[in-house]
Protein backbone atom coordinates (compact mmCIF):
# COMPACT_ATOMS: atom_id res chain seq x y z
CA UNK A 1 10.63 4.37 92.68
CA UNK A 2 7.14 3.92 91.33
CA UNK A 3 5.75 6.51 88.93
CA UNK A 4 2.14 7.21 89.75
CA UNK A 5 -0.48 8.59 87.41
CA UNK A 6 -3.01 11.27 88.16
CA UNK A 7 -6.74 11.00 87.45
CA UNK A 8 -6.16 11.76 83.75
CA UNK A 9 -3.63 8.96 83.38
CA UNK A 10 -0.56 11.19 83.01
CA UNK A 11 2.62 10.65 84.99
CA UNK A 12 4.33 13.57 86.72
CA UNK A 13 6.88 13.98 83.93
CA UNK A 14 4.12 13.92 81.29
CA UNK A 15 2.23 16.62 83.17
CA UNK A 16 5.38 18.75 83.30
CA UNK A 17 5.80 18.39 79.55
CA UNK A 18 2.14 19.27 78.94
CA UNK A 19 2.50 22.39 81.08
CA UNK A 20 5.66 23.34 79.20
CA UNK A 21 3.83 23.01 75.86
CA UNK A 22 0.83 24.93 77.22
CA UNK A 23 2.99 27.88 78.26
CA UNK A 24 4.83 27.89 74.93
CA UNK A 25 1.58 27.99 72.99
CA UNK A 26 -0.55 30.24 75.22
CA UNK A 27 1.74 32.85 76.75
CA UNK A 28 4.21 35.53 75.76
CA UNK A 29 5.29 38.93 77.03
CA UNK A 30 1.89 40.47 76.24
CA UNK A 31 -0.36 37.52 77.10
CA UNK A 32 -0.45 36.31 80.68
CA UNK A 33 -1.81 32.87 81.56
CA UNK A 34 -4.37 32.84 84.34
CA UNK A 35 -4.43 29.99 86.90
CA UNK A 36 -7.96 29.03 85.78
CA UNK A 37 -6.68 28.47 82.22
CA UNK A 38 -4.05 26.06 83.55
CA UNK A 39 -6.60 24.20 85.67
CA UNK A 40 -8.94 23.86 82.70
CA UNK A 41 -6.14 22.64 80.46
CA UNK A 42 -4.99 20.00 82.92
CA UNK A 43 -8.56 18.85 83.55
CA UNK A 44 -9.17 18.14 79.86
């Protein structure tokens, strides 16, 4: 199975890890993450 990279050069498992870290750092019970924030984070 070939692991492909997205336009930013991250593999699928790397993107999952980045999302995991993003949610740990930017969300909690009082702070909700908006979809636009996720899109902007992944685009950078």
